[in-house]
Amino acid sequence: MVDVEIVGEGAAPITVVNSAIELREERKQIAKKSLTKTAYEVVYCVIDVESPFPHESLARSINKAQDNKLEVILSNPCFEYWYILHFRKTSAPFHTNDEAISALRREHPAYRKNDTTIFDVIYPKTSDAIKNSKEVLNEQHNDAEDLRDCNPSTHMHKIVEYLQNTAR
């Protein structure tokens, strides 16, 4: 069973990490008292690098997440890069989040921030996005784990592959 909870959307990186720690601890307490609920097997923190000026709490957030055994998923410069990879492979850097959003709108003009309808458009192209993400990481960034200096890049494919494997 997969239980996906999205918290801290659009929040500072440290808020995302603190929320994830709190949520995991709450779930542990619930799992102790429940016959049907279990503790979370894995908790991901999805964080944008926000190039060219990363949030002041980014480094501290990554360290805290790792210290608390949370999986950190960075997108550089922003989450919209993951969406772009559904339409095409690109390793051209984006100087700002707005540049990445403009590039996405060239592929999908109807895109608006926090609009969940894009899922219907990108879902059939998920395997392309995974392939493109891995290729950019390999070809441009030597399969880096820390993506803070790897523009553009994302590890979103790790979450998607985990969910795909869990569903099998």
N, C-alpha and C. Protein backbone atom coordinates (compact mmCIF):
# COMPACT_ATOMS: atom_id res chain seq x y z
N MET A 1 0.83 -1.17 0.00
CA MET A 1 0.00 0.00 0.00
C MET A 1 0.88 1.24 0.00
N VAL A 2 0.50 2.22 -0.77
CA VAL A 2 1.22 3.48 -0.84
C VAL A 2 0.33 4.57 -0.28
N ASP A 3 0.88 5.33 0.65
CA ASP A 3 0.17 6.44 1.25
C ASP A 3 0.96 7.70 0.91
N VAL A 4 0.41 8.52 0.04
CA VAL A 4 1.10 9.74 -0.38
C VAL A 4 0.43 10.92 0.31
N GLU A 5 1.23 11.69 1.01
CA GLU A 5 0.74 12.91 1.65
C GLU A 5 1.63 14.05 1.20
N ILE A 6 1.02 15.09 0.70
CA ILE A 6 1.77 16.25 0.23
C ILE A 6 1.57 17.35 1.25
N VAL A 7 2.70 17.78 1.84
CA VAL A 7 2.65 18.87 2.82
C VAL A 7 3.76 19.86 2.50
N GLY A 8 3.57 21.08 2.91
CA GLY A 8 4.60 22.09 2.75
C GLY A 8 4.78 22.56 1.33
N GLU A 9 3.77 22.39 0.48
CA GLU A 9 3.87 22.77 -0.92
C GLU A 9 4.19 24.25 -1.05
N GLY A 10 5.28 24.57 -1.74
CA GLY A 10 5.68 25.95 -1.94
C GLY A 10 6.37 26.56 -0.74
N ALA A 11 6.71 25.73 0.25
CA ALA A 11 7.29 26.23 1.48
C ALA A 11 8.82 26.27 1.39
N ALA A 12 9.42 26.95 2.34
CA ALA A 12 10.87 26.99 2.46
C ALA A 12 11.38 25.57 2.68
N PRO A 13 12.57 25.25 2.19
CA PRO A 13 13.10 23.88 2.35
C PRO A 13 13.09 23.37 3.79
N ILE A 14 13.44 24.21 4.73
CA ILE A 14 13.47 23.74 6.12
C ILE A 14 12.07 23.40 6.62
N THR A 15 11.06 24.10 6.11
CA THR A 15 9.68 23.80 6.47
C THR A 15 9.27 22.45 5.92
N VAL A 16 9.69 22.16 4.70
CA VAL A 16 9.39 20.85 4.09
C VAL A 16 10.00 19.73 4.93
N VAL A 17 11.25 19.89 5.31
CA VAL A 17 11.95 18.86 6.09
C VAL A 17 11.32 18.71 7.48
N ASN A 18 11.07 19.82 8.16
CA ASN A 18 10.46 19.75 9.49
C ASN A 18 9.08 19.11 9.43
N SER A 19 8.30 19.44 8.41
CA SER A 19 6.97 18.84 8.24
C SER A 19 7.08 17.33 8.01
N ALA A 20 8.06 16.92 7.21
CA ALA A 20 8.25 15.49 6.93
C ALA A 20 8.63 14.72 8.19
N ILE A 21 9.49 15.30 9.00
CA ILE A 21 9.89 14.65 10.26
C ILE A 21 8.69 14.51 11.18
N GLU A 22 7.93 15.58 11.30
CA GLU A 22 6.74 15.58 12.16
C GLU A 22 5.71 14.56 11.67
N LEU A 23 5.47 14.54 10.38
CA LEU A 23 4.50 13.61 9.79
C LEU A 23 4.92 12.16 10.02
N ARG A 24 6.20 11.88 9.84
CA ARG A 24 6.70 10.52 10.05
C ARG A 24 6.52 10.09 11.51
N GLU A 25 6.81 11.01 12.44
CA GLU A 25 6.67 10.69 13.86
C GLU A 25 5.20 10.47 14.24
N GLU A 26 4.31 11.31 13.70
CA GLU A 26 2.88 11.13 13.94
C GLU A 26 2.43 9.76 13.44
N ARG A 27 2.91 9.39 12.27
CA ARG A 27 2.52 8.10 11.68
C ARG A 27 3.04 6.93 12.52
N LYS A 28 4.24 7.07 13.07
CA LYS A 28 4.77 6.02 13.95
C LYS A 28 3.86 5.80 15.15
N GLN A 29 3.37 6.89 15.72
CA GLN A 29 2.49 6.80 16.88
C GLN A 29 1.15 6.16 16.50
N ILE A 30 0.62 6.54 15.35
CA ILE A 30 -0.63 5.95 14.86
C ILE A 30 -0.45 4.46 14.61
N ALA A 31 0.67 4.10 14.00
CA ALA A 31 0.94 2.70 13.64
C ALA A 31 1.03 1.81 14.89
N LYS A 32 1.52 2.35 15.99
CA LYS A 32 1.63 1.58 17.24
C LYS A 32 0.26 1.16 17.76
N LYS A 33 -0.76 1.97 17.46
CA LYS A 33 -2.10 1.74 17.98
C LYS A 33 -3.05 1.13 16.96
N SER A 34 -2.57 0.88 15.76
CA SER A 34 -3.46 0.47 14.68
C SER A 34 -3.14 -0.93 14.17
N LEU A 35 -4.18 -1.61 13.75
CA LEU A 35 -3.99 -2.91 13.12
C LEU A 35 -3.82 -2.77 11.61
N THR A 36 -4.23 -1.62 11.05
CA THR A 36 -4.20 -1.45 9.59
C THR A 36 -3.15 -0.44 9.12
N LYS A 37 -2.74 0.46 9.96
CA LYS A 37 -1.75 1.48 9.57
C LYS A 37 -0.36 1.03 9.99
N THR A 38 0.61 1.31 9.13
CA THR A 38 2.00 1.00 9.45
C THR A 38 2.82 2.28 9.37
N ALA A 39 4.00 2.23 9.97
CA ALA A 39 4.91 3.37 9.88
C ALA A 39 5.36 3.53 8.43
N TYR A 40 5.73 4.73 8.08
CA TYR A 40 6.20 4.96 6.71
C TYR A 40 7.50 4.23 6.46
N GLU A 41 7.57 3.58 5.32
CA GLU A 41 8.77 2.87 4.90
C GLU A 41 9.83 3.86 4.42
N VAL A 42 9.37 4.87 3.70
CA VAL A 42 10.28 5.88 3.17
C VAL A 42 9.53 7.22 3.13
N VAL A 43 10.29 8.28 3.39
CA VAL A 43 9.72 9.64 3.34
C VAL A 43 10.63 10.48 2.45
N TYR A 44 10.01 11.09 1.43
CA TYR A 44 10.75 11.92 0.49
C TYR A 44 10.49 13.40 0.80
N CYS A 45 11.53 14.20 0.67
CA CYS A 45 11.42 15.66 0.74
C CYS A 45 11.77 16.19 -0.64
N VAL A 46 10.78 16.72 -1.33
CA VAL A 46 10.96 17.25 -2.68
C VAL A 46 11.21 18.75 -2.55
N ILE A 47 12.39 19.17 -3.00
CA ILE A 47 12.82 20.55 -2.78
C ILE A 47 13.38 21.12 -4.07
N ASP A 48 13.00 22.35 -4.37
CA ASP A 48 13.57 23.08 -5.51
C ASP A 48 14.86 23.77 -5.07
N VAL A 49 15.85 23.79 -5.97
CA VAL A 49 17.09 24.51 -5.68
C VAL A 49 16.88 26.02 -5.77
N GLU A 50 15.99 26.44 -6.66
CA GLU A 50 15.68 27.87 -6.83
C GLU A 50 16.88 28.66 -7.37
N SER A 51 17.51 28.15 -8.40
CA SER A 51 18.63 28.86 -9.02
C SER A 51 18.15 30.19 -9.58
N PRO A 52 18.97 31.18 -9.63
CA PRO A 52 20.38 31.24 -9.27
C PRO A 52 20.63 31.56 -7.80
N PHE A 53 19.56 31.78 -7.02
CA PHE A 53 19.72 32.14 -5.62
C PHE A 53 18.99 31.15 -4.73
N PRO A 54 19.66 30.04 -4.39
CA PRO A 54 19.01 29.03 -3.55
C PRO A 54 18.52 29.63 -2.23
N HIS A 55 17.46 29.06 -1.71
CA HIS A 55 16.91 29.51 -0.44
C HIS A 55 17.99 29.39 0.63
N GLU A 56 17.99 30.33 1.56
CA GLU A 56 19.04 30.35 2.58
C GLU A 56 19.03 29.09 3.45
N SER A 57 17.91 28.38 3.53
CA SER A 57 17.86 27.19 4.37
C SER A 57 18.15 25.90 3.60
N LEU A 58 18.51 25.98 2.33
CA LEU A 58 18.67 24.77 1.52
C LEU A 58 19.72 23.82 2.08
N ALA A 59 20.93 24.30 2.31
CA ALA A 59 22.01 23.42 2.80
C ALA A 59 21.65 22.82 4.16
N ARG A 60 21.14 23.63 5.05
CA ARG A 60 20.74 23.17 6.38
C ARG A 60 19.63 22.13 6.28
N SER A 61 18.72 22.35 5.34
CA SER A 61 17.60 21.43 5.14
C SER A 61 18.07 20.07 4.65
N ILE A 62 18.96 20.09 3.68
CA ILE A 62 19.49 18.83 3.15
C ILE A 62 20.20 18.05 4.25
N ASN A 63 21.02 18.74 5.02
CA ASN A 63 21.74 18.08 6.12
C ASN A 63 20.77 17.50 7.15
N LYS A 64 19.76 18.27 7.51
CA LYS A 64 18.80 17.80 8.51
C LYS A 64 18.01 16.61 7.98
N ALA A 65 17.62 16.66 6.73
CA ALA A 65 16.90 15.54 6.14
C ALA A 65 17.76 14.28 6.15
N GLN A 66 19.00 14.40 5.74
CA GLN A 66 19.89 13.25 5.71
C GLN A 66 20.16 12.72 7.12
N ASP A 67 20.33 13.63 8.09
CA ASP A 67 20.54 13.21 9.48
C ASP A 67 19.34 12.44 10.02
N ASN A 68 18.15 12.75 9.49
CA ASN A 68 16.92 12.10 9.94
C ASN A 68 16.48 10.97 9.01
N LYS A 69 17.37 10.56 8.14
CA LYS A 69 17.14 9.44 7.22
C LYS A 69 15.91 9.64 6.33
N LEU A 70 15.76 10.87 5.83
CA LEU A 70 14.73 11.20 4.84
C LEU A 70 15.40 11.23 3.48
N GLU A 71 14.66 10.89 2.45
CA GLU A 71 15.18 10.94 1.09
C GLU A 71 14.98 12.35 0.54
N VAL A 72 16.06 12.97 0.08
CA VAL A 72 16.00 14.31 -0.49
C VAL A 72 15.94 14.20 -2.00
N ILE A 73 14.92 14.84 -2.57
CA ILE A 73 14.76 14.88 -4.02
C ILE A 73 14.84 16.34 -4.44
N LEU A 74 15.96 16.69 -5.08
CA LEU A 74 16.14 18.06 -5.54
C LEU A 74 15.76 18.17 -7.01
N SER A 75 15.22 19.33 -7.35
CA SER A 75 15.03 19.70 -8.75
C SER A 75 15.72 21.05 -8.92
N ASN A 76 16.58 21.12 -9.92
CA ASN A 76 17.35 22.33 -10.16
C ASN A 76 17.07 22.83 -11.57
N PRO A 77 16.45 23.98 -11.76
CA PRO A 77 16.20 24.97 -10.74
C PRO A 77 14.89 24.77 -10.00
N CYS A 78 13.92 24.05 -10.60
CA CYS A 78 12.60 23.94 -10.00
C CYS A 78 11.89 22.68 -10.50
N PHE A 79 10.78 22.38 -9.86
CA PHE A 79 10.01 21.19 -10.17
C PHE A 79 9.54 21.15 -11.62
N GLU A 80 9.29 22.31 -12.21
CA GLU A 80 8.80 22.35 -13.59
C GLU A 80 9.78 21.71 -14.57
N TYR A 81 11.05 21.64 -14.20
CA TYR A 81 12.01 20.95 -15.07
C TYR A 81 11.59 19.48 -15.26
N TRP A 82 11.11 18.84 -14.20
CA TRP A 82 10.62 17.47 -14.30
C TRP A 82 9.49 17.37 -15.33
N TYR A 83 8.60 18.33 -15.33
CA TYR A 83 7.52 18.34 -16.32
C TYR A 83 8.07 18.49 -17.73
N ILE A 84 9.04 19.37 -17.92
CA ILE A 84 9.63 19.58 -19.25
C ILE A 84 10.16 18.26 -19.80
N LEU A 85 10.78 17.46 -18.93
CA LEU A 85 11.37 16.20 -19.37
C LEU A 85 10.35 15.21 -19.91
N HIS A 86 9.09 15.41 -19.64
CA HIS A 86 8.04 14.57 -20.22
C HIS A 86 7.86 14.87 -21.70
N PHE A 87 8.20 16.07 -22.12
CA PHE A 87 8.02 16.50 -23.50
C PHE A 87 9.29 16.39 -24.33
N ARG A 88 10.44 16.64 -23.66
CA ARG A 88 11.71 16.60 -24.39
C ARG A 88 12.88 16.54 -23.42
N LYS A 89 13.98 16.03 -23.94
CA LYS A 89 15.22 16.01 -23.17
C LYS A 89 15.93 17.33 -23.40
N THR A 90 16.30 18.00 -22.34
CA THR A 90 17.09 19.22 -22.47
C THR A 90 18.08 19.32 -21.32
N SER A 91 19.27 19.73 -21.66
CA SER A 91 20.29 19.95 -20.64
C SER A 91 20.75 21.41 -20.63
N ALA A 92 20.03 22.25 -21.35
CA ALA A 92 20.34 23.68 -21.35
C ALA A 92 19.95 24.26 -20.00
N PRO A 93 20.87 24.96 -19.33
CA PRO A 93 20.55 25.51 -18.01
C PRO A 93 19.47 26.58 -18.05
N PHE A 94 18.74 26.68 -16.96
CA PHE A 94 17.73 27.71 -16.78
C PHE A 94 18.26 28.67 -15.72
N HIS A 95 18.31 29.93 -16.05
CA HIS A 95 18.88 30.91 -15.13
C HIS A 95 17.93 31.28 -14.00
N THR A 96 16.65 31.07 -14.21
CA THR A 96 15.65 31.36 -13.18
C THR A 96 14.52 30.33 -13.28
N ASN A 97 13.72 30.27 -12.25
CA ASN A 97 12.53 29.41 -12.28
C ASN A 97 11.58 29.87 -13.38
N ASP A 98 11.45 31.18 -13.55
CA ASP A 98 10.55 31.72 -14.58
C ASP A 98 10.97 31.27 -15.97
N GLU A 99 12.27 31.16 -16.20
CA GLU A 99 12.77 30.66 -17.49
C GLU A 99 12.31 29.22 -17.72
N ALA A 100 12.40 28.41 -16.68
CA ALA A 100 11.97 27.01 -16.79
C ALA A 100 10.46 26.93 -17.03
N ILE A 101 9.71 27.76 -16.34
CA ILE A 101 8.26 27.76 -16.51
C ILE A 101 7.89 28.20 -17.93
N SER A 102 8.61 29.19 -18.46
CA SER A 102 8.37 29.62 -19.85
C SER A 102 8.66 28.50 -20.82
N ALA A 103 9.74 27.75 -20.58
CA ALA A 103 10.08 26.61 -21.45
C ALA A 103 8.98 25.55 -21.38
N LEU A 104 8.45 25.31 -20.20
CA LEU A 104 7.36 24.35 -20.06
C LEU A 104 6.12 24.82 -20.81
N ARG A 105 5.83 26.10 -20.73
CA ARG A 105 4.65 26.62 -21.42
C ARG A 105 4.79 26.56 -22.94
N ARG A 106 6.01 26.52 -23.43
CA ARG A 106 6.19 26.31 -24.87
C ARG A 106 5.77 24.89 -25.26
N GLU A 107 5.93 23.97 -24.34
CA GLU A 107 5.53 22.58 -24.57
C GLU A 107 4.05 22.36 -24.25
N HIS A 108 3.59 23.03 -23.23
CA HIS A 108 2.21 22.86 -22.75
C HIS A 108 1.68 24.25 -22.35
N PRO A 109 1.16 24.99 -23.32
CA PRO A 109 0.73 26.38 -23.08
C PRO A 109 -0.29 26.56 -21.96
N ALA A 110 -1.06 25.55 -21.64
CA ALA A 110 -2.09 25.69 -20.61
C ALA A 110 -1.54 25.60 -19.19
N TYR A 111 -0.25 25.32 -19.05
CA TYR A 111 0.33 25.13 -17.70
C TYR A 111 0.21 26.39 -16.84
N ARG A 112 -0.25 26.17 -15.62
CA ARG A 112 -0.28 27.19 -14.58
C ARG A 112 0.22 26.55 -13.30
N LYS A 113 0.95 27.29 -12.52
CA LYS A 113 1.49 26.80 -11.25
C LYS A 113 0.37 26.21 -10.40
N ASN A 114 0.64 25.08 -9.79
CA ASN A 114 -0.30 24.37 -8.90
C ASN A 114 -1.56 23.86 -9.61
N ASP A 115 -1.51 23.74 -10.93
CA ASP A 115 -2.64 23.22 -11.69
C ASP A 115 -2.44 21.71 -11.86
N THR A 116 -3.29 20.94 -11.24
CA THR A 116 -3.13 19.48 -11.26
C THR A 116 -3.58 18.83 -12.55
N THR A 117 -4.20 19.58 -13.46
CA THR A 117 -4.68 18.98 -14.70
C THR A 117 -3.53 18.56 -15.62
N ILE A 118 -2.33 19.08 -15.37
CA ILE A 118 -1.19 18.68 -16.20
C ILE A 118 -0.90 17.19 -16.06
N PHE A 119 -1.30 16.60 -14.94
CA PHE A 119 -1.04 15.18 -14.72
C PHE A 119 -1.61 14.33 -15.85
N ASP A 120 -2.80 14.66 -16.32
CA ASP A 120 -3.42 13.89 -17.40
C ASP A 120 -2.61 13.96 -18.69
N VAL A 121 -1.91 15.07 -18.88
CA VAL A 121 -1.10 15.27 -20.09
C VAL A 121 0.23 14.54 -19.97
N ILE A 122 0.86 14.63 -18.81
CA ILE A 122 2.22 14.07 -18.68
C ILE A 122 2.24 12.58 -18.33
N TYR A 123 1.21 12.09 -17.67
CA TYR A 123 1.23 10.70 -17.21
C TYR A 123 1.60 9.71 -18.32
N PRO A 124 1.01 9.81 -19.50
CA PRO A 124 1.38 8.84 -20.56
C PRO A 124 2.84 8.96 -21.00
N LYS A 125 3.51 10.04 -20.63
CA LYS A 125 4.89 10.28 -21.05
C LYS A 125 5.89 10.04 -19.91
N THR A 126 5.46 9.37 -18.87
CA THR A 126 6.30 9.17 -17.70
C THR A 126 7.59 8.44 -18.02
N SER A 127 7.52 7.40 -18.83
CA SER A 127 8.75 6.65 -19.15
C SER A 127 9.74 7.53 -19.91
N ASP A 128 9.25 8.44 -20.76
CA ASP A 128 10.14 9.38 -21.45
C ASP A 128 10.83 10.30 -20.44
N ALA A 129 10.08 10.79 -19.46
CA ALA A 129 10.66 11.69 -18.46
C ALA A 129 11.73 10.99 -17.63
N ILE A 130 11.46 9.76 -17.24
CA ILE A 130 12.45 8.99 -16.47
C ILE A 130 13.72 8.82 -17.29
N LYS A 131 13.55 8.39 -18.53
CA LYS A 131 14.70 8.20 -19.42
C LYS A 131 15.48 9.51 -19.61
N ASN A 132 14.77 10.58 -19.90
CA ASN A 132 15.42 11.87 -20.12
C ASN A 132 16.14 12.37 -18.88
N SER A 133 15.52 12.21 -17.72
CA SER A 133 16.13 12.64 -16.47
C SER A 133 17.43 11.89 -16.21
N LYS A 134 17.39 10.58 -16.36
CA LYS A 134 18.58 9.77 -16.13
C LYS A 134 19.69 10.10 -17.13
N GLU A 135 19.32 10.31 -18.38
CA GLU A 135 20.33 10.64 -19.39
C GLU A 135 21.00 11.98 -19.12
N VAL A 136 20.23 12.98 -18.76
CA VAL A 136 20.83 14.29 -18.44
C VAL A 136 21.75 14.16 -17.24
N LEU A 137 21.31 13.45 -16.22
CA LEU A 137 22.16 13.26 -15.03
C LEU A 137 23.47 12.58 -15.39
N ASN A 138 23.37 11.55 -16.21
CA ASN A 138 24.57 10.81 -16.60
C ASN A 138 25.47 11.61 -17.52
N GLU A 139 24.92 12.17 -18.56
CA GLU A 139 25.71 12.86 -19.59
C GLU A 139 26.26 14.20 -19.12
N GLN A 140 25.49 14.94 -18.36
CA GLN A 140 25.89 16.30 -17.98
C GLN A 140 26.45 16.42 -16.57
N HIS A 141 26.07 15.49 -15.69
CA HIS A 141 26.41 15.68 -14.28
C HIS A 141 27.02 14.44 -13.64
N ASN A 142 27.47 13.48 -14.45
CA ASN A 142 28.14 12.28 -13.96
C ASN A 142 27.35 11.58 -12.84
N ASP A 143 26.04 11.50 -13.03
CA ASP A 143 25.15 10.82 -12.07
C ASP A 143 25.28 11.38 -10.64
N ALA A 144 25.42 12.68 -10.54
CA ALA A 144 25.58 13.33 -9.24
C ALA A 144 24.41 13.04 -8.31
N GLU A 145 24.72 12.92 -7.04
CA GLU A 145 23.69 12.77 -6.01
C GLU A 145 23.26 14.13 -5.49
N ASP A 146 24.20 15.04 -5.35
CA ASP A 146 23.90 16.39 -4.88
C ASP A 146 23.71 17.28 -6.11
N LEU A 147 22.50 17.72 -6.33
CA LEU A 147 22.16 18.45 -7.56
C LEU A 147 22.21 19.97 -7.41
N ARG A 148 22.71 20.46 -6.29
CA ARG A 148 22.70 21.91 -6.07
C ARG A 148 23.46 22.68 -7.15
N ASP A 149 24.50 22.09 -7.70
CA ASP A 149 25.29 22.76 -8.74
C ASP A 149 25.06 22.15 -10.12
N CYS A 150 23.99 21.41 -10.28
CA CYS A 150 23.71 20.70 -11.53
C CYS A 150 22.44 21.26 -12.18
N ASN A 151 22.57 22.31 -12.92
CA ASN A 151 21.43 22.97 -13.56
C ASN A 151 21.46 22.69 -15.05
N PRO A 152 20.42 22.04 -15.59
CA PRO A 152 19.22 21.54 -14.95
C PRO A 152 19.39 20.08 -14.55
N SER A 153 18.60 19.69 -13.56
CA SER A 153 18.61 18.29 -13.13
C SER A 153 17.45 18.06 -12.16
N THR A 154 17.14 16.80 -11.98
CA THR A 154 16.13 16.39 -11.00
C THR A 154 16.33 14.92 -10.66
N HIS A 155 15.90 14.58 -9.47
CA HIS A 155 15.85 13.18 -9.06
C HIS A 155 14.41 12.70 -8.91
N MET A 156 13.47 13.41 -9.49
CA MET A 156 12.06 13.01 -9.39
C MET A 156 11.83 11.59 -9.90
N HIS A 157 12.64 11.17 -10.85
CA HIS A 157 12.47 9.81 -11.37
C HIS A 157 12.63 8.76 -10.27
N LYS A 158 13.38 9.07 -9.22
CA LYS A 158 13.56 8.11 -8.13
C LYS A 158 12.25 7.83 -7.42
N ILE A 159 11.48 8.87 -7.17
CA ILE A 159 10.18 8.68 -6.52
C ILE A 159 9.24 7.91 -7.44
N VAL A 160 9.20 8.30 -8.69
CA VAL A 160 8.29 7.67 -9.63
C VAL A 160 8.63 6.19 -9.80
N GLU A 161 9.89 5.87 -9.93
CA GLU A 161 10.29 4.47 -10.04
C GLU A 161 9.96 3.69 -8.78
N TYR A 162 10.15 4.30 -7.63
CA TYR A 162 9.80 3.65 -6.38
C TYR A 162 8.31 3.32 -6.35
N LEU A 163 7.48 4.29 -6.72
CA LEU A 163 6.04 4.07 -6.75
C LEU A 163 5.65 3.01 -7.77
N GLN A 164 6.28 3.04 -8.95
CA GLN A 164 6.00 2.03 -9.96
C GLN A 164 6.36 0.64 -9.46
N ASN A 165 7.50 0.51 -8.82
CA ASN A 165 7.95 -0.79 -8.31
C ASN A 165 7.06 -1.27 -7.16
N THR A 166 6.59 -0.36 -6.35
CA THR A 166 5.72 -0.71 -5.23
C THR A 166 4.37 -1.19 -5.74
N ALA A 167 3.92 -0.61 -6.84
CA ALA A 167 2.61 -0.97 -7.40
C ALA A 167 2.61 -2.34 -8.07
N ARG A 168 3.75 -2.88 -8.35
CA ARG A 168 3.83 -4.19 -9.05
C ARG A 168 3.60 -5.34 -8.13
